[in-house]
PDB file of all heavy atoms in Angstrom:
ATOM      1  N   VAL A   1       0.846  -1.193   0.000  1.00  0.00           N
ATOM      2  CA  VAL A   1       0.000   0.000   0.000  1.00  0.00           C
ATOM      3  C   VAL A   1       0.886   1.249   0.000  1.00  0.00           C
ATOM      4  O   VAL A   1       1.839   1.364   0.768  1.00  0.00           O
ATOM      5  CB  VAL A   1      -0.932   0.002   1.226  1.00  0.00           C
ATOM      6  CG1 VAL A   1      -1.607   1.363   1.384  1.00  0.00           C
ATOM      7  CG2 VAL A   1      -1.987  -1.084   1.087  1.00  0.00           C
ATOM      8  N   GLY A   2       0.552   2.180  -0.893  1.00  0.00           N
ATOM      9  CA  GLY A   2       1.322   3.407  -1.041  1.00  0.00           C
ATOM     10  C   GLY A   2       2.344   3.348  -2.150  1.00  0.00           C
ATOM     11  O   GLY A   2       2.877   4.393  -2.552  1.00  0.00           O
ATOM     12  N   LYS A   3       2.631   2.152  -2.666  1.00  0.00           N
ATOM     13  CA  LYS A   3       3.640   2.008  -3.711  1.00  0.00           C
ATOM     14  C   LYS A   3       3.018   2.165  -5.098  1.00  0.00           C
ATOM     15  O   LYS A   3       1.813   2.022  -5.292  1.00  0.00           O
ATOM     16  CB  LYS A   3       4.331   0.651  -3.604  1.00  0.00           C
ATOM     17  CG  LYS A   3       5.170   0.489  -2.345  1.00  0.00           C
ATOM     18  CD  LYS A   3       5.880  -0.852  -2.334  1.00  0.00           C
ATOM     19  CE  LYS A   3       6.759  -0.997  -1.088  1.00  0.00           C
ATOM     20  NZ  LYS A   3       7.442  -2.313  -1.061  1.00  0.00           N
ATOM     21  N   VAL A   4       3.899   2.431  -6.064  1.00  0.00           N
ATOM     22  CA  VAL A   4       3.498   2.553  -7.468  1.00  0.00           C
ATOM     23  C   VAL A   4       3.964   1.311  -8.214  1.00  0.00           C
ATOM     24  O   VAL A   4       5.068   0.806  -7.970  1.00  0.00           O
ATOM     25  CB  VAL A   4       4.111   3.810  -8.113  1.00  0.00           C
ATOM     26  CG1 VAL A   4       3.742   3.900  -9.594  1.00  0.00           C
ATOM     27  CG2 VAL A   4       3.650   5.056  -7.381  1.00  0.00           C
ATOM     28  N   GLY A   5       3.135   0.819  -9.102  1.00  0.00           N
ATOM     29  CA  GLY A   5       3.495  -0.373  -9.870  1.00  0.00           C
ATOM     30  C   GLY A   5       2.515  -0.579 -11.012  1.00  0.00           C
ATOM     31  O   GLY A   5       2.099   0.376 -11.666  1.00  0.00           O
ATOM     32  N   TYR A   6       2.122  -1.817 -11.200  1.00  0.00           N
ATOM     33  CA  TYR A   6       1.233  -2.119 -12.317  1.00  0.00           C
ATOM     34  C   TYR A   6       0.277  -3.237 -11.950  1.00  0.00           C
ATOM     35  O   TYR A   6       0.517  -4.009 -11.013  1.00  0.00           O
ATOM     36  CB  TYR A   6       2.030  -2.495 -13.565  1.00  0.00           C
ATOM     37  CG  TYR A   6       2.892  -3.736 -13.434  1.00  0.00           C
ATOM     38  CD1 TYR A   6       2.496  -4.957 -13.979  1.00  0.00           C
ATOM     39  CD2 TYR A   6       4.117  -3.690 -12.769  1.00  0.00           C
ATOM     40  CE1 TYR A   6       3.285  -6.089 -13.872  1.00  0.00           C
ATOM     41  CE2 TYR A   6       4.917  -4.811 -12.657  1.00  0.00           C
ATOM     42  CZ  TYR A   6       4.501  -6.010 -13.212  1.00  0.00           C
ATOM     43  OH  TYR A   6       5.292  -7.143 -13.094  1.00  0.00           O
ATOM     44  N   LEU A   7      -0.826  -3.308 -12.674  1.00  0.00           N
ATOM     45  CA  LEU A   7      -1.799  -4.382 -12.524  1.00  0.00           C
ATOM     46  C   LEU A   7      -1.626  -5.369 -13.663  1.00  0.00           C
ATOM     47  O   LEU A   7      -1.408  -4.980 -14.808  1.00  0.00           O
ATOM     48  CB  LEU A   7      -3.229  -3.825 -12.561  1.00  0.00           C
ATOM     49  CG  LEU A   7      -3.668  -2.884 -11.430  1.00  0.00           C
ATOM     50  CD1 LEU A   7      -5.097  -2.419 -11.679  1.00  0.00           C
ATOM     51  CD2 LEU A   7      -3.558  -3.573 -10.079  1.00  0.00           C
ATOM     52  N   VAL A   8      -1.734  -6.638 -13.327  1.00  0.00           N
ATOM     53  CA  VAL A   8      -1.672  -7.686 -14.337  1.00  0.00           C
ATOM     54  C   VAL A   8      -2.811  -8.655 -14.075  1.00  0.00           C
ATOM     55  O   VAL A   8      -3.235  -8.844 -12.921  1.00  0.00           O
ATOM     56  CB  VAL A   8      -0.307  -8.406 -14.295  1.00  0.00           C
ATOM     57  CG1 VAL A   8      -0.096  -9.117 -12.967  1.00  0.00           C
ATOM     58  CG2 VAL A   8      -0.161  -9.380 -15.457  1.00  0.00           C
ATOM     59  N   ARG A   9      -3.329  -9.241 -15.129  1.00  0.00           N
ATOM     60  CA  ARG A   9      -4.462 -10.156 -14.980  1.00  0.00           C
ATOM     61  C   ARG A   9      -4.117 -11.299 -14.035  1.00  0.00           C
ATOM     62  O   ARG A   9      -3.039 -11.898 -14.114  1.00  0.00           O
ATOM     63  CB  ARG A   9      -4.847 -10.737 -16.344  1.00  0.00           C
ATOM     64  CG  ARG A   9      -6.060 -11.661 -16.295  1.00  0.00           C
ATOM     65  CD  ARG A   9      -6.212 -12.391 -17.617  1.00  0.00           C
ATOM     66  NE  ARG A   9      -6.360 -11.467 -18.722  1.00  0.00           N
ATOM     67  CZ  ARG A   9      -7.504 -10.877 -19.053  1.00  0.00           C
ATOM     68  NH1 ARG A   9      -8.576 -11.111 -18.331  1.00  0.00           N
ATOM     69  NH2 ARG A   9      -7.556 -10.067 -20.076  1.00  0.00           N
ATOM     70  N   ALA A  10      -5.020 -11.601 -13.103  1.00  0.00           N
ATOM     71  CA  ALA A  10      -4.809 -12.704 -12.167  1.00  0.00           C
ATOM     72  C   ALA A  10      -5.026 -14.024 -12.883  1.00  0.00           C
ATOM     73  O   ALA A  10      -5.954 -14.170 -13.684  1.00  0.00           O
ATOM     74  CB  ALA A  10      -5.754 -12.576 -10.981  1.00  0.00           C
ATOM     75  N   ALA A  11      -4.150 -14.990 -12.600  1.00  0.00           N
ATOM     76  CA  ALA A  11      -4.249 -16.313 -13.213  1.00  0.00           C
ATOM     77  C   ALA A  11      -4.932 -17.264 -12.246  1.00  0.00           C
ATOM     78  O   ALA A  11      -4.644 -17.267 -11.047  1.00  0.00           O
ATOM     79  CB  ALA A  11      -2.862 -16.835 -13.567  1.00  0.00           C
ATOM     80  N   SER A  12      -5.838 -18.070 -12.769  1.00  0.00           N
ATOM     81  CA  SER A  12      -6.535 -19.034 -11.934  1.00  0.00           C
ATOM     82  C   SER A  12      -5.604 -20.189 -11.600  1.00  0.00           C
ATOM     83  O   SER A  12      -4.918 -20.725 -12.475  1.00  0.00           O
ATOM     84  CB  SER A  12      -7.780 -19.564 -12.656  1.00  0.00           C
ATOM     85  OG  SER A  12      -8.420 -20.545 -11.883  1.00  0.00           O
ATOM     86  N   ILE A  13      -5.550 -20.565 -10.324  1.00  0.00           N
ATOM     87  CA  ILE A  13      -4.696 -21.682  -9.913  1.00  0.00           C
ATOM     88  C   ILE A  13      -5.537 -22.894  -9.512  1.00  0.00           C
ATOM     89  O   ILE A  13      -5.037 -23.834  -8.911  1.00  0.00           O
ATOM     90  CB  ILE A  13      -3.780 -21.266  -8.749  1.00  0.00           C
ATOM     91  CG1 ILE A  13      -4.619 -20.791  -7.556  1.00  0.00           C
ATOM     92  CG2 ILE A  13      -2.801 -20.200  -9.179  1.00  0.00           C
ATOM     93  CD1 ILE A  13      -3.782 -20.463  -6.316  1.00  0.00           C
ATOM     94  N   SER A  14      -6.813 -22.854  -9.821  1.00  0.00           N
ATOM     95  CA  SER A  14      -7.695 -23.978  -9.525  1.00  0.00           C
ATOM     96  C   SER A  14      -8.736 -24.057 -10.626  1.00  0.00           C
ATOM     97  O   SER A  14      -8.708 -23.313 -11.600  1.00  0.00           O
ATOM     98  CB  SER A  14      -8.373 -23.785  -8.156  1.00  0.00           C
ATOM     99  OG  SER A  14      -9.284 -22.712  -8.205  1.00  0.00           O
ATOM    100  N   THR A  15      -9.671 -24.977 -10.454  1.00  0.00           N
ATOM    101  CA  THR A  15     -10.729 -25.128 -11.451  1.00  0.00           C
ATOM    102  C   THR A  15     -11.805 -24.054 -11.294  1.00  0.00           C
ATOM    103  O   THR A  15     -12.654 -23.894 -12.158  1.00  0.00           O
ATOM    104  CB  THR A  15     -11.384 -26.517 -11.322  1.00  0.00           C
ATOM    105  OG1 THR A  15     -11.860 -26.678  -9.974  1.00  0.00           O
ATOM    106  CG2 THR A  15     -10.376 -27.611 -11.631  1.00  0.00           C
ATOM    107  N   ALA A  16     -11.755 -23.328 -10.176  1.00  0.00           N
ATOM    108  CA  ALA A  16     -12.742 -22.264  -9.962  1.00  0.00           C
ATOM    109  C   ALA A  16     -12.502 -21.119 -10.929  1.00  0.00           C
ATOM    110  O   ALA A  16     -11.367 -20.743 -11.194  1.00  0.00           O
ATOM    111  CB  ALA A  16     -12.666 -21.764  -8.526  1.00  0.00           C
ATOM    112  N   ALA A  17     -13.577 -20.567 -11.444  1.00  0.00           N
ATOM    113  CA  ALA A  17     -13.458 -19.461 -12.395  1.00  0.00           C
ATOM    114  C   ALA A  17     -13.003 -18.203 -11.661  1.00  0.00           C
ATOM    115  O   ALA A  17     -13.468 -17.892 -10.562  1.00  0.00           O
ATOM    116  CB  ALA A  17     -14.798 -19.225 -13.085  1.00  0.00           C
ATOM    117  N   MET A  18     -12.088 -17.465 -12.264  1.00  0.00           N
ATOM    118  CA  MET A  18     -11.601 -16.221 -11.693  1.00  0.00           C
ATOM    119  C   MET A  18     -12.599 -15.111 -12.011  1.00  0.00           C
ATOM    120  O   MET A  18     -13.105 -15.038 -13.126  1.00  0.00           O
ATOM    121  CB  MET A  18     -10.235 -15.889 -12.282  1.00  0.00           C
ATOM    122  CG  MET A  18      -9.548 -14.700 -11.642  1.00  0.00           C
ATOM    123  SD  MET A  18      -8.960 -15.014  -9.974  1.00  0.00           S
ATOM    124  CE  MET A  18      -7.623 -16.187 -10.307  1.00  0.00           C
ATOM    125  N   PRO A  19     -12.926 -14.262 -11.050  1.00  0.00           N
ATOM    126  CA  PRO A  19     -13.861 -13.157 -11.343  1.00  0.00           C
ATOM    127  C   PRO A  19     -13.349 -12.284 -12.479  1.00  0.00           C
ATOM    128  O   PRO A  19     -12.133 -12.084 -12.627  1.00  0.00           O
ATOM    129  CB  PRO A  19     -13.891 -12.373 -10.024  1.00  0.00           C
ATOM    130  CG  PRO A  19     -13.462 -13.346  -8.983  1.00  0.00           C
ATOM    131  CD  PRO A  19     -12.476 -14.259  -9.656  1.00  0.00           C
ATOM    132  N   ALA A  20     -14.260 -11.769 -13.275  1.00  0.00           N
ATOM    133  CA  ALA A  20     -13.870 -10.905 -14.384  1.00  0.00           C
ATOM    134  C   ALA A  20     -13.123  -9.689 -13.852  1.00  0.00           C
ATOM    135  O   ALA A  20     -13.549  -9.050 -12.896  1.00  0.00           O
ATOM    136  CB  ALA A  20     -15.108 -10.462 -15.165  1.00  0.00           C
ATOM    137  N   GLY A  21     -11.985  -9.404 -14.462  1.00  0.00           N
ATOM    138  CA  GLY A  21     -11.208  -8.243 -14.076  1.00  0.00           C
ATOM    139  C   GLY A  21     -10.322  -8.422 -12.868  1.00  0.00           C
ATOM    140  O   GLY A  21      -9.712  -7.456 -12.395  1.00  0.00           O
ATOM    141  N   ALA A  22     -10.232  -9.641 -12.319  1.00  0.00           N
ATOM    142  CA  ALA A  22      -9.372  -9.872 -11.152  1.00  0.00           C
ATOM    143  C   ALA A  22      -7.914  -9.602 -11.514  1.00  0.00           C
ATOM    144  O   ALA A  22      -7.440 -10.012 -12.574  1.00  0.00           O
ATOM    145  CB  ALA A  22      -9.539 -11.294 -10.652  1.00  0.00           C
ATOM    146  N   CYS A  23      -7.207  -8.888 -10.630  1.00  0.00           N
ATOM    147  CA  CYS A  23      -5.845  -8.446 -10.926  1.00  0.00           C
ATOM    148  C   CYS A  23      -4.905  -8.725  -9.761  1.00  0.00           C
ATOM    149  O   CYS A  23      -5.331  -8.853  -8.610  1.00  0.00           O
ATOM    150  CB  CYS A  23      -5.808  -6.941 -11.195  1.00  0.00           C
ATOM    151  SG  CYS A  23      -6.901  -6.364 -12.482  1.00  0.00           S
ATOM    152  N   TYR A  24      -3.630  -8.781 -10.081  1.00  0.00           N
ATOM    153  CA  TYR A  24      -2.586  -8.719  -9.075  1.00  0.00           C
ATOM    154  C   TYR A  24      -1.919  -7.352  -9.204  1.00  0.00           C
ATOM    155  O   TYR A  24      -1.717  -6.854 -10.317  1.00  0.00           O
ATOM    156  CB  TYR A  24      -1.523  -9.797  -9.293  1.00  0.00           C
ATOM    157  CG  TYR A  24      -2.018 -11.214  -9.177  1.00  0.00           C
ATOM    158  CD1 TYR A  24      -1.634 -12.173 -10.114  1.00  0.00           C
ATOM    159  CD2 TYR A  24      -2.861 -11.600  -8.152  1.00  0.00           C
ATOM    160  CE1 TYR A  24      -2.066 -13.480 -10.019  1.00  0.00           C
ATOM    161  CE2 TYR A  24      -3.312 -12.915  -8.052  1.00  0.00           C
ATOM    162  CZ  TYR A  24      -2.910 -13.847  -8.989  1.00  0.00           C
ATOM    163  OH  TYR A  24      -3.349 -15.132  -8.899  1.00  0.00           O
ATOM    164  N   PHE A  25      -1.559  -6.771  -8.071  1.00  0.00           N
ATOM    165  CA  PHE A  25      -0.762  -5.554  -8.092  1.00  0.00           C
ATOM    166  C   PHE A  25       0.689  -5.933  -7.901  1.00  0.00           C
ATOM    167  O   PHE A  25       1.047  -6.684  -6.993  1.00  0.00           O
ATOM    168  CB  PHE A  25      -1.197  -4.595  -6.972  1.00  0.00           C
ATOM    169  CG  PHE A  25      -0.307  -3.381  -6.853  1.00  0.00           C
ATOM    170  CD1 PHE A  25      -0.455  -2.314  -7.723  1.00  0.00           C
ATOM    171  CD2 PHE A  25       0.691  -3.325  -5.884  1.00  0.00           C
ATOM    172  CE1 PHE A  25       0.370  -1.200  -7.619  1.00  0.00           C
ATOM    173  CE2 PHE A  25       1.516  -2.221  -5.772  1.00  0.00           C
ATOM    174  CZ  PHE A  25       1.361  -1.157  -6.641  1.00  0.00           C
ATOM    175  N   ARG A  26       1.559  -5.405  -8.768  1.00  0.00           N
ATOM    176  CA  ARG A  26       2.986  -5.671  -8.690  1.00  0.00           C
ATOM    177  C   ARG A  26       3.720  -4.332  -8.569  1.00  0.00           C
ATOM    178  O   ARG A  26       3.677  -3.520  -9.494  1.00  0.00           O
ATOM    179  CB  ARG A  26       3.476  -6.417  -9.940  1.00  0.00           C
ATOM    180  CG  ARG A  26       2.822  -7.782 -10.139  1.00  0.00           C
ATOM    181  CD  ARG A  26       3.351  -8.768  -9.121  1.00  0.00           C
ATOM    182  NE  ARG A  26       2.842 -10.116  -9.359  1.00  0.00           N
ATOM    183  CZ  ARG A  26       1.874 -10.693  -8.650  1.00  0.00           C
ATOM    184  NH1 ARG A  26       1.304  -9.994  -7.665  1.00  0.00           N
ATOM    185  NH2 ARG A  26       1.485 -11.916  -8.914  1.00  0.00           N
ATOM    186  N   PRO A  27       4.377  -4.069  -7.439  1.00  0.00           N
ATOM    187  CA  PRO A  27       5.078  -2.787  -7.289  1.00  0.00           C
ATOM    188  C   PRO A  27       6.347  -2.756  -8.122  1.00  0.00           C
ATOM    189  O   PRO A  27       6.993  -3.783  -8.345  1.00  0.00           O
ATOM    190  CB  PRO A  27       5.395  -2.737  -5.799  1.00  0.00           C
ATOM    191  CG  PRO A  27       5.535  -4.179  -5.405  1.00  0.00           C
ATOM    192  CD  PRO A  27       4.520  -4.924  -6.243  1.00  0.00           C
ATOM    193  N   TYR A  28       6.715  -1.571  -8.599  1.00  0.00           N
ATOM    194  CA  TYR A  28       7.995  -1.405  -9.269  1.00  0.00           C
ATOM    195  C   TYR A  28       9.102  -1.532  -8.225  1.00  0.00           C
ATOM    196  O   TYR A  28       9.000  -0.971  -7.123  1.00  0.00           O
ATOM    197  CB  TYR A  28       8.106  -0.034  -9.931  1.00  0.00           C
ATOM    198  CG  TYR A  28       7.133   0.209 -11.049  1.00  0.00           C
ATOM    199  CD1 TYR A  28       6.549   1.467 -11.217  1.00  0.00           C
ATOM    200  CD2 TYR A  28       6.783  -0.790 -11.957  1.00  0.00           C
ATOM    201  CE1 TYR A  28       5.669   1.722 -12.249  1.00  0.00           C
ATOM    202  CE2 TYR A  28       5.895  -0.550 -12.982  1.00  0.00           C
ATOM    203  CZ  TYR A  28       5.331   0.707 -13.129  1.00  0.00           C
ATOM    204  OH  TYR A  28       4.448   0.940 -14.143  1.00  0.00           O
ATOM    205  N   LEU A  29      10.159  -2.251  -8.556  1.00  0.00           N
ATOM    206  CA  LEU A  29      11.292  -2.355  -7.645  1.00  0.00           C
ATOM    207  C   LEU A  29      11.923  -0.983  -7.433  1.00  0.00           C
ATOM    208  O   LEU A  29      12.302  -0.614  -6.323  1.00  0.00           O
ATOM    209  CB  LEU A  29      12.326  -3.334  -8.203  1.00  0.00           C
ATOM    210  CG  LEU A  29      13.501  -3.646  -7.292  1.00  0.00           C
ATOM    211  CD1 LEU A  29      13.032  -4.342  -6.024  1.00  0.00           C
ATOM    212  CD2 LEU A  29      14.521  -4.518  -8.012  1.00  0.00           C
ATOM    213  N   ASP A  30      12.035  -0.221  -8.524  1.00  0.00           N
ATOM    214  CA  ASP A  30      12.493   1.158  -8.461  1.00  0.00           C
ATOM    215  C   ASP A  30      11.251   2.031  -8.417  1.00  0.00           C
ATOM    216  O   ASP A  30      10.529   2.161  -9.408  1.00  0.00           O
ATOM    217  CB  ASP A  30      13.346   1.489  -9.691  1.00  0.00           C
ATOM    218  CG  ASP A  30      13.941   2.888  -9.657  1.00  0.00           C
ATOM    219  OD1 ASP A  30      13.378   3.755  -8.948  1.00  0.00           O
ATOM    220  OD2 ASP A  30      14.945   3.124 -10.345  1.00  0.00           O
ATOM    221  N   GLN A  31      10.968   2.628  -7.266  1.00  0.00           N
ATOM    222  CA  GLN A  31       9.724   3.378  -7.103  1.00  0.00           C
ATOM    223  C   GLN A  31       9.683   4.683  -7.889  1.00  0.00           C
ATOM    224  O   GLN A  31       8.643   5.337  -7.957  1.00  0.00           O
ATOM    225  CB  GLN A  31       9.448   3.626  -5.624  1.00  0.00           C
ATOM    226  CG  GLN A  31       8.832   2.427  -4.919  1.00  0.00           C
ATOM    227  CD  GLN A  31       7.447   2.105  -5.454  1.00  0.00           C
ATOM    228  OE1 GLN A  31       6.489   2.843  -5.239  1.00  0.00           O
ATOM    229  NE2 GLN A  31       7.321   0.983  -6.174  1.00  0.00           N
ATOM    230  N   SER A  32      10.802   5.073  -8.486  1.00  0.00           N
ATOM    231  CA  SER A  32      10.769   6.240  -9.370  1.00  0.00           C
ATOM    232  C   SER A  32      10.412   5.847 -10.802  1.00  0.00           C
ATOM    233  O   SER A  32      10.206   6.720 -11.647  1.00  0.00           O
ATOM    234  CB  SER A  32      12.123   6.952  -9.364  1.00  0.00           C
ATOM    235  OG  SER A  32      13.103   6.227 -10.098  1.00  0.00           O
ATOM    236  N   LEU A  33      10.316   4.562 -11.071  1.00  0.00           N
ATOM    237  CA  LEU A  33      10.064   4.076 -12.429  1.00  0.00           C
ATOM    238  C   LEU A  33       8.656   4.451 -12.887  1.00  0.00           C
ATOM    239  O   LEU A  33       7.693   4.346 -12.119  1.00  0.00           O
ATOM    240  CB  LEU A  33      10.227   2.555 -12.469  1.00  0.00           C
ATOM    241  CG  LEU A  33      10.266   1.874 -13.842  1.00  0.00           C
ATOM    242  CD1 LEU A  33      11.534   2.267 -14.578  1.00  0.00           C
ATOM    243  CD2 LEU A  33      10.196   0.358 -13.673  1.00  0.00           C
ATOM    244  N   ARG A  34       8.546   4.868 -14.150  1.00  0.00           N
ATOM    245  CA  ARG A  34       7.247   5.170 -14.740  1.00  0.00           C
ATOM    246  C   ARG A  34       7.251   4.765 -16.216  1.00  0.00           C
ATOM    247  O   ARG A  34       8.252   4.932 -16.911  1.00  0.00           O
ATOM    248  CB  ARG A  34       6.930   6.679 -14.653  1.00  0.00           C
ATOM    249  CG  ARG A  34       6.796   7.218 -13.239  1.00  0.00           C
ATOM    250  CD  ARG A  34       5.599   6.662 -12.512  1.00  0.00           C
ATOM    251  NE  ARG A  34       5.429   7.298 -11.201  1.00  0.00           N
ATOM    252  CZ  ARG A  34       6.033   6.881 -10.081  1.00  0.00           C
ATOM    253  NH1 ARG A  34       6.854   5.846 -10.120  1.00  0.00           N
ATOM    254  NH2 ARG A  34       5.814   7.500  -8.943  1.00  0.00           N
ATOM    255  N   ARG A  35       6.109   4.244 -16.661  1.00  0.00           N
ATOM    256  CA  ARG A  35       5.937   3.976 -18.091  1.00  0.00           C
ATOM    257  C   ARG A  35       5.692   5.289 -18.813  1.00  0.00           C
ATOM    258  O   ARG A  35       4.938   6.144 -18.337  1.00  0.00           O
ATOM    259  CB  ARG A  35       4.750   3.040 -18.329  1.00  0.00           C
ATOM    260  CG  ARG A  35       5.114   1.587 -18.346  1.00  0.00           C
ATOM    261  CD  ARG A  35       5.770   1.121 -19.651  1.00  0.00           C
ATOM    262  NE  ARG A  35       4.785   0.934 -20.706  1.00  0.00           N
ATOM    263  CZ  ARG A  35       4.770   1.609 -21.839  1.00  0.00           C
ATOM    264  NH1 ARG A  35       5.682   2.530 -22.074  1.00  0.00           N
ATOM    265  NH2 ARG A  35       3.859   1.374 -22.752  1.00  0.00           N
ATOM    266  N   VAL A  36       6.310   5.441 -19.992  1.00  0.00           N
ATOM    267  CA  VAL A  36       6.137   6.649 -20.810  1.00  0.00           C
ATOM    268  C   VAL A  36       5.729   6.204 -22.214  1.00  0.00           C
ATOM    269  O   VAL A  36       6.583   5.981 -23.086  1.00  0.00           O
ATOM    270  CB  VAL A  36       7.440   7.481 -20.865  1.00  0.00           C
ATOM    271  CG1 VAL A  36       7.195   8.788 -21.617  1.00  0.00           C
ATOM    272  CG2 VAL A  36       7.969   7.760 -19.461  1.00  0.00           C
ATOM    273  N   PRO A  37       4.437   6.028 -22.462  1.00  0.00           N
ATOM    274  CA  PRO A  37       3.981   5.545 -23.778  1.00  0.00           C
ATOM    275  C   PRO A  37       4.416   6.429 -24.936  1.00  0.00           C
ATOM    276  O   PRO A  37       4.540   5.956 -26.073  1.00  0.00           O
ATOM    277  CB  PRO A  37       2.454   5.539 -23.628  1.00  0.00           C
ATOM    278  CG  PRO A  37       2.211   5.437 -22.156  1.00  0.00           C
ATOM    279  CD  PRO A  37       3.322   6.207 -21.522  1.00  0.00           C
ATOM    280  N   GLU A  38       4.662   7.717 -24.666  1.00  0.00           N
ATOM    281  CA  GLU A  38       5.061   8.629 -25.734  1.00  0.00           C
ATOM    282  C   GLU A  38       6.398   8.224 -26.359  1.00  0.00           C
ATOM    283  O   GLU A  38       6.707   8.616 -27.494  1.00  0.00           O
ATOM    284  CB  GLU A  38       5.165  10.062 -25.199  1.00  0.00           C
ATOM    285  CG  GLU A  38       3.834  10.684 -24.793  1.00  0.00           C
ATOM    286  CD  GLU A  38       3.391  10.239 -23.410  1.00  0.00           C
ATOM    287  OE1 GLU A  38       4.121   9.484 -22.739  1.00  0.00           O
ATOM    288  OE2 GLU A  38       2.291  10.652 -22.995  1.00  0.00           O
ATOM    289  N   LEU A  39       7.199   7.450 -25.638  1.00  0.00           N
ATOM    290  CA  LEU A  39       8.493   7.016 -26.161  1.00  0.00           C
ATOM    291  C   LEU A  39       8.426   5.673 -26.884  1.00  0.00           C
ATOM    292  O   LEU A  39       9.424   5.217 -27.441  1.00  0.00           O
ATOM    293  CB  LEU A  39       9.517   6.906 -25.015  1.00  0.00           C
ATOM    294  CG  LEU A  39       9.893   8.202 -24.294  1.00  0.00           C
ATOM    295  CD1 LEU A  39      10.887   7.901 -23.178  1.00  0.00           C
ATOM    296  CD2 LEU A  39      10.493   9.204 -25.271  1.00  0.00           C
ATOM    297  N   ASP A  40       7.265   5.016 -26.871  1.00  0.00           N
ATOM    298  CA  ASP A  40       7.151   3.670 -27.438  1.00  0.00           C
ATOM    299  C   ASP A  40       7.577   3.631 -28.898  1.00  0.00           C
ATOM    300  O   ASP A  40       7.287   4.541 -29.672  1.00  0.00           O
ATOM    301  CB  ASP A  40       5.713   3.161 -27.332  1.00  0.00           C
ATOM    302  CG  ASP A  40       5.308   2.841 -25.914  1.00  0.00           C
ATOM    303  OD1 ASP A  40       6.154   2.978 -25.017  1.00  0.00           O
ATOM    304  OD2 ASP A  40       4.141   2.453 -25.693  1.00  0.00           O
TER     305      ASP A  40
END
């Protein structure tokens, strides 16, 4: 909590269906890191 990172789709690890839109939050190791789509 309080960190910056990204969301990635959650993967189901059982036969149960994963709720639509379920995500994992992954913090950036370098908290100054930012994606800049303008440079893509």
